[in-house]
Amino acid sequence: MGSKLAGNGLYEGSRLILPEHREAYLAEMEKQKRRGQPELDDQEVQEIERKIVESYNRRCTIDLVLFNPFYDEPLSGVVVGLNVGRREVKLMLEEEFRWIKLAEITSASV
């Protein structure tokens, strides 16, 4: 019979992972998957704002892509309100409203 001290030393026989350590490790791995928000130049921002105003005036559907640190979030709806002071857009989804900050929008198409 071999000794526990052989090979890897004292830690050869004590390899367990506590649930708290596993959760912390998985949370850290998720943090590393985060991505930064893309920088939009002035022309892109103006084009997005133009499409939002067009959807508001014509009451037509607009497709937006919102920034999320882990994935792009597509939304589709009609712009029913604009708050210039807070730089937000009120989007009517199927049966609900949602306020969206202009800084979160990465692209728009009418």
N, C-alpha and C. Protein backbone atom coordinates (compact mmCIF):
# COMPACT_ATOMS: atom_id res chain seq x y z
N MET A 1 0.83 -1.18 0.00
CA MET A 1 0.00 0.00 0.00
C MET A 1 0.88 1.24 0.00
N GLY A 2 0.55 2.20 -0.88
CA GLY A 2 1.37 3.39 -1.03
C GLY A 2 1.04 4.46 -0.01
N SER A 3 1.95 5.33 0.18
CA SER A 3 1.78 6.43 1.12
C SER A 3 1.10 7.61 0.44
N LYS A 4 0.29 8.36 1.20
CA LYS A 4 -0.35 9.57 0.66
C LYS A 4 0.68 10.66 0.40
N LEU A 5 1.82 10.55 1.01
CA LEU A 5 2.85 11.55 0.85
C LEU A 5 3.63 11.37 -0.45
N ALA A 6 3.44 10.26 -1.12
CA ALA A 6 4.17 10.01 -2.37
C ALA A 6 3.53 10.78 -3.52
N GLY A 7 4.27 11.04 -4.53
CA GLY A 7 3.73 11.71 -5.72
C GLY A 7 3.59 13.20 -5.52
N ASN A 8 2.38 13.63 -5.25
CA ASN A 8 2.08 15.06 -5.16
C ASN A 8 2.22 15.60 -3.73
N GLY A 9 2.68 14.81 -2.83
CA GLY A 9 2.86 15.28 -1.46
C GLY A 9 1.59 15.19 -0.64
N LEU A 10 1.40 16.12 0.24
CA LEU A 10 0.27 16.10 1.16
C LEU A 10 -1.08 16.21 0.46
N TYR A 11 -1.13 16.86 -0.69
CA TYR A 11 -2.40 17.17 -1.31
C TYR A 11 -2.90 16.07 -2.25
N GLU A 12 -2.19 14.96 -2.34
CA GLU A 12 -2.57 13.89 -3.24
C GLU A 12 -3.94 13.31 -2.88
N GLY A 13 -4.23 13.16 -1.61
CA GLY A 13 -5.49 12.54 -1.20
C GLY A 13 -6.58 13.53 -0.84
N SER A 14 -6.35 14.82 -0.98
CA SER A 14 -7.36 15.80 -0.54
C SER A 14 -7.74 16.74 -1.68
N ARG A 15 -8.33 16.20 -2.72
CA ARG A 15 -8.74 17.02 -3.86
C ARG A 15 -10.25 17.14 -3.88
N LEU A 16 -10.80 18.08 -3.15
CA LEU A 16 -12.21 18.34 -3.23
C LEU A 16 -12.46 19.80 -3.53
N ILE A 17 -13.61 20.02 -4.12
CA ILE A 17 -14.01 21.39 -4.45
C ILE A 17 -15.29 21.69 -3.69
N LEU A 18 -15.24 22.72 -2.88
CA LEU A 18 -16.43 23.12 -2.14
C LEU A 18 -17.41 23.79 -3.10
N PRO A 19 -18.71 23.67 -2.85
CA PRO A 19 -19.70 24.32 -3.72
C PRO A 19 -19.48 25.82 -3.85
N GLU A 20 -19.06 26.46 -2.78
CA GLU A 20 -18.83 27.91 -2.82
C GLU A 20 -17.68 28.24 -3.76
N HIS A 21 -16.63 27.41 -3.74
CA HIS A 21 -15.49 27.64 -4.62
C HIS A 21 -15.87 27.41 -6.07
N ARG A 22 -16.70 26.39 -6.32
CA ARG A 22 -17.14 26.10 -7.69
C ARG A 22 -17.97 27.26 -8.23
N GLU A 23 -18.89 27.79 -7.43
CA GLU A 23 -19.72 28.92 -7.86
C GLU A 23 -18.87 30.16 -8.13
N ALA A 24 -17.89 30.40 -7.27
CA ALA A 24 -17.01 31.56 -7.47
C ALA A 24 -16.19 31.39 -8.74
N TYR A 25 -15.72 30.18 -9.00
CA TYR A 25 -14.94 29.92 -10.21
C TYR A 25 -15.80 30.12 -11.46
N LEU A 26 -17.02 29.60 -11.45
CA LEU A 26 -17.91 29.76 -12.60
C LEU A 26 -18.29 31.23 -12.82
N ALA A 27 -18.50 31.97 -11.74
CA ALA A 27 -18.82 33.40 -11.86
C ALA A 27 -17.64 34.16 -12.46
N GLU A 28 -16.44 33.81 -12.05
CA GLU A 28 -15.25 34.47 -12.61
C GLU A 28 -15.09 34.15 -14.09
N MET A 29 -15.39 32.93 -14.48
CA MET A 29 -15.30 32.56 -15.90
C MET A 29 -16.34 33.34 -16.72
N GLU A 30 -17.53 33.57 -16.18
CA GLU A 30 -18.55 34.36 -16.88
C GLU A 30 -18.10 35.81 -17.03
N LYS A 31 -17.45 36.36 -16.00
CA LYS A 31 -16.97 37.73 -16.07
C LYS A 31 -15.94 37.89 -17.19
N GLN A 32 -15.14 36.87 -17.40
CA GLN A 32 -14.11 36.94 -18.43
C GLN A 32 -14.70 36.90 -19.83
N LYS A 33 -15.92 36.40 -19.97
CA LYS A 33 -16.58 36.36 -21.27
C LYS A 33 -17.19 37.71 -21.65
N ARG A 34 -17.23 38.66 -20.73
CA ARG A 34 -17.82 39.97 -21.00
C ARG A 34 -17.09 40.66 -22.14
N ARG A 35 -17.81 41.49 -22.85
CA ARG A 35 -17.20 42.27 -23.92
C ARG A 35 -17.54 43.73 -23.70
N GLY A 36 -16.75 44.59 -24.24
CA GLY A 36 -16.95 46.02 -24.07
C GLY A 36 -17.96 46.57 -25.07
N GLN A 37 -18.53 47.70 -24.73
CA GLN A 37 -19.50 48.34 -25.61
C GLN A 37 -18.78 48.97 -26.80
N PRO A 38 -19.29 48.74 -28.02
CA PRO A 38 -18.62 49.31 -29.19
C PRO A 38 -18.76 50.83 -29.23
N GLU A 39 -17.74 51.48 -29.74
CA GLU A 39 -17.75 52.93 -29.90
C GLU A 39 -18.38 53.27 -31.25
N LEU A 40 -19.45 54.04 -31.25
CA LEU A 40 -20.09 54.47 -32.49
C LEU A 40 -19.61 55.87 -32.84
N ASP A 41 -19.32 56.09 -34.12
CA ASP A 41 -18.93 57.44 -34.52
C ASP A 41 -20.18 58.30 -34.70
N ASP A 42 -19.99 59.57 -34.93
CA ASP A 42 -21.10 60.52 -34.99
C ASP A 42 -22.08 60.20 -36.12
N GLN A 43 -21.57 59.76 -37.26
CA GLN A 43 -22.46 59.44 -38.38
C GLN A 43 -23.39 58.27 -38.04
N GLU A 44 -22.85 57.25 -37.39
CA GLU A 44 -23.68 56.11 -37.01
C GLU A 44 -24.74 56.52 -36.00
N VAL A 45 -24.38 57.35 -35.04
CA VAL A 45 -25.33 57.82 -34.04
C VAL A 45 -26.43 58.65 -34.71
N GLN A 46 -26.06 59.52 -35.63
CA GLN A 46 -27.06 60.33 -36.33
C GLN A 46 -27.98 59.47 -37.18
N GLU A 47 -27.45 58.43 -37.80
CA GLU A 47 -28.27 57.52 -38.61
C GLU A 47 -29.26 56.76 -37.73
N ILE A 48 -28.83 56.31 -36.57
CA ILE A 48 -29.72 55.63 -35.63
C ILE A 48 -30.82 56.59 -35.18
N GLU A 49 -30.45 57.82 -34.83
CA GLU A 49 -31.44 58.80 -34.39
C GLU A 49 -32.42 59.14 -35.51
N ARG A 50 -31.95 59.23 -36.74
CA ARG A 50 -32.82 59.50 -37.88
C ARG A 50 -33.85 58.38 -38.06
N LYS A 51 -33.42 57.15 -37.93
CA LYS A 51 -34.34 56.01 -38.08
C LYS A 51 -35.35 55.96 -36.95
N ILE A 52 -34.93 56.34 -35.75
CA ILE A 52 -35.85 56.37 -34.61
C ILE A 52 -36.92 57.43 -34.83
N VAL A 53 -36.52 58.62 -35.28
CA VAL A 53 -37.48 59.70 -35.55
C VAL A 53 -38.42 59.30 -36.69
N GLU A 54 -37.89 58.62 -37.69
CA GLU A 54 -38.72 58.15 -38.80
C GLU A 54 -39.77 57.16 -38.31
N SER A 55 -39.39 56.25 -37.44
CA SER A 55 -40.34 55.29 -36.89
C SER A 55 -41.39 56.01 -36.04
N TYR A 56 -40.96 57.05 -35.32
CA TYR A 56 -41.89 57.81 -34.48
C TYR A 56 -42.90 58.57 -35.34
N ASN A 57 -42.44 59.22 -36.41
CA ASN A 57 -43.32 60.02 -37.26
C ASN A 57 -44.26 59.16 -38.10
N ARG A 58 -43.75 58.08 -38.67
CA ARG A 58 -44.55 57.24 -39.56
C ARG A 58 -45.26 56.10 -38.84
N ARG A 59 -44.97 55.90 -37.55
CA ARG A 59 -45.54 54.79 -36.76
C ARG A 59 -45.26 53.44 -37.43
N CYS A 60 -44.04 53.29 -37.92
CA CYS A 60 -43.65 52.03 -38.56
C CYS A 60 -42.72 51.26 -37.62
N THR A 61 -42.61 49.98 -37.87
CA THR A 61 -41.80 49.10 -37.03
C THR A 61 -40.31 49.36 -37.25
N ILE A 62 -39.58 49.35 -36.16
CA ILE A 62 -38.13 49.53 -36.21
C ILE A 62 -37.48 48.33 -35.53
N ASP A 63 -36.38 47.88 -36.10
CA ASP A 63 -35.60 46.78 -35.51
C ASP A 63 -34.35 47.36 -34.88
N LEU A 64 -34.20 47.17 -33.58
CA LEU A 64 -33.05 47.69 -32.85
C LEU A 64 -32.19 46.54 -32.35
N VAL A 65 -30.91 46.80 -32.23
CA VAL A 65 -29.99 45.86 -31.60
C VAL A 65 -29.39 46.59 -30.40
N LEU A 66 -29.62 46.04 -29.22
CA LEU A 66 -29.15 46.65 -27.98
C LEU A 66 -27.89 45.96 -27.50
N PHE A 67 -27.02 46.74 -26.86
CA PHE A 67 -25.78 46.19 -26.33
C PHE A 67 -26.06 45.47 -25.03
N ASN A 68 -25.46 44.31 -24.89
CA ASN A 68 -25.46 43.53 -23.67
C ASN A 68 -24.03 43.01 -23.53
N PRO A 69 -23.47 42.98 -22.33
CA PRO A 69 -22.08 42.55 -22.20
C PRO A 69 -21.80 41.13 -22.71
N PHE A 70 -22.83 40.29 -22.83
CA PHE A 70 -22.61 38.90 -23.23
C PHE A 70 -23.15 38.57 -24.61
N TYR A 71 -24.15 39.30 -25.10
CA TYR A 71 -24.75 39.01 -26.40
C TYR A 71 -25.47 40.25 -26.90
N ASP A 72 -25.78 40.27 -28.21
CA ASP A 72 -26.58 41.36 -28.78
C ASP A 72 -28.05 41.02 -28.59
N GLU A 73 -28.83 42.00 -28.14
CA GLU A 73 -30.26 41.79 -27.86
C GLU A 73 -31.11 42.46 -28.94
N PRO A 74 -31.71 41.68 -29.82
CA PRO A 74 -32.56 42.30 -30.85
C PRO A 74 -33.95 42.63 -30.31
N LEU A 75 -34.48 43.78 -30.71
CA LEU A 75 -35.83 44.21 -30.33
C LEU A 75 -36.52 44.75 -31.56
N SER A 76 -37.82 44.54 -31.63
CA SER A 76 -38.59 45.06 -32.75
C SER A 76 -39.88 45.66 -32.19
N GLY A 77 -40.19 46.87 -32.62
CA GLY A 77 -41.39 47.54 -32.16
C GLY A 77 -41.56 48.88 -32.82
N VAL A 78 -42.52 49.66 -32.32
CA VAL A 78 -42.82 50.98 -32.85
C VAL A 78 -42.45 52.01 -31.80
N VAL A 79 -41.75 53.05 -32.22
CA VAL A 79 -41.39 54.14 -31.30
C VAL A 79 -42.63 54.99 -31.06
N VAL A 80 -43.04 55.09 -29.79
CA VAL A 80 -44.25 55.85 -29.44
C VAL A 80 -43.93 57.05 -28.56
N GLY A 81 -42.67 57.20 -28.15
CA GLY A 81 -42.32 58.33 -27.33
C GLY A 81 -40.83 58.60 -27.37
N LEU A 82 -40.48 59.88 -27.25
CA LEU A 82 -39.09 60.30 -27.21
C LEU A 82 -38.89 61.21 -26.02
N ASN A 83 -37.84 60.99 -25.27
CA ASN A 83 -37.48 61.86 -24.17
C ASN A 83 -36.09 62.40 -24.47
N VAL A 84 -36.03 63.60 -25.01
CA VAL A 84 -34.77 64.18 -25.46
C VAL A 84 -33.87 64.49 -24.27
N GLY A 85 -34.44 64.97 -23.17
CA GLY A 85 -33.65 65.33 -22.00
C GLY A 85 -32.91 64.15 -21.40
N ARG A 86 -33.59 63.02 -21.30
CA ARG A 86 -32.97 61.82 -20.74
C ARG A 86 -32.35 60.93 -21.81
N ARG A 87 -32.51 61.32 -23.10
CA ARG A 87 -32.00 60.57 -24.25
C ARG A 87 -32.49 59.12 -24.21
N GLU A 88 -33.83 58.99 -24.16
CA GLU A 88 -34.47 57.68 -24.12
C GLU A 88 -35.55 57.60 -25.18
N VAL A 89 -35.85 56.38 -25.56
CA VAL A 89 -36.87 56.08 -26.57
C VAL A 89 -37.88 55.15 -25.92
N LYS A 90 -39.18 55.45 -26.11
CA LYS A 90 -40.24 54.58 -25.60
C LYS A 90 -40.67 53.68 -26.75
N LEU A 91 -40.40 52.38 -26.61
CA LEU A 91 -40.68 51.42 -27.68
C LEU A 91 -41.87 50.57 -27.29
N MET A 92 -42.86 50.51 -28.19
CA MET A 92 -44.03 49.67 -27.97
C MET A 92 -43.72 48.30 -28.55
N LEU A 93 -43.56 47.33 -27.67
CA LEU A 93 -43.36 45.95 -28.10
C LEU A 93 -44.74 45.35 -28.35
N GLU A 94 -44.88 44.07 -28.38
CA GLU A 94 -46.17 43.45 -28.71
C GLU A 94 -47.30 43.93 -27.80
N GLU A 95 -47.12 43.85 -26.49
CA GLU A 95 -48.18 44.28 -25.58
C GLU A 95 -47.65 45.13 -24.43
N GLU A 96 -46.43 45.55 -24.51
CA GLU A 96 -45.85 46.31 -23.40
C GLU A 96 -44.96 47.42 -23.94
N PHE A 97 -44.67 48.39 -23.08
CA PHE A 97 -43.78 49.49 -23.40
C PHE A 97 -42.43 49.23 -22.74
N ARG A 98 -41.39 49.79 -23.34
CA ARG A 98 -40.06 49.68 -22.74
C ARG A 98 -39.27 50.94 -23.07
N TRP A 99 -38.72 51.57 -22.04
CA TRP A 99 -37.85 52.73 -22.24
C TRP A 99 -36.44 52.22 -22.50
N ILE A 100 -35.82 52.74 -23.55
CA ILE A 100 -34.48 52.31 -23.94
C ILE A 100 -33.58 53.54 -24.05
N LYS A 101 -32.43 53.48 -23.44
CA LYS A 101 -31.47 54.58 -23.54
C LYS A 101 -30.79 54.53 -24.91
N LEU A 102 -30.58 55.70 -25.49
CA LEU A 102 -29.94 55.76 -26.81
C LEU A 102 -28.53 55.20 -26.77
N ALA A 103 -27.86 55.30 -25.64
CA ALA A 103 -26.49 54.79 -25.52
C ALA A 103 -26.43 53.26 -25.62
N GLU A 104 -27.55 52.57 -25.35
CA GLU A 104 -27.58 51.11 -25.42
C GLU A 104 -27.77 50.59 -26.85
N ILE A 105 -28.24 51.45 -27.75
CA ILE A 105 -28.55 51.02 -29.10
C ILE A 105 -27.28 50.99 -29.95
N THR A 106 -27.01 49.83 -30.58
CA THR A 106 -25.83 49.71 -31.42
C THR A 106 -26.17 49.79 -32.91
N SER A 107 -27.41 49.43 -33.28
CA SER A 107 -27.82 49.57 -34.67
C SER A 107 -29.35 49.63 -34.74
N ALA A 108 -29.84 50.20 -35.84
CA ALA A 108 -31.28 50.33 -36.05
C ALA A 108 -31.58 50.20 -37.53
N SER A 109 -32.73 49.60 -37.85
CA SER A 109 -33.17 49.53 -39.24
C SER A 109 -34.69 49.61 -39.26
N VAL A 110 -35.19 50.35 -40.24
CA VAL A 110 -36.63 50.54 -40.39
C VAL A 110 -37.17 49.58 -41.42
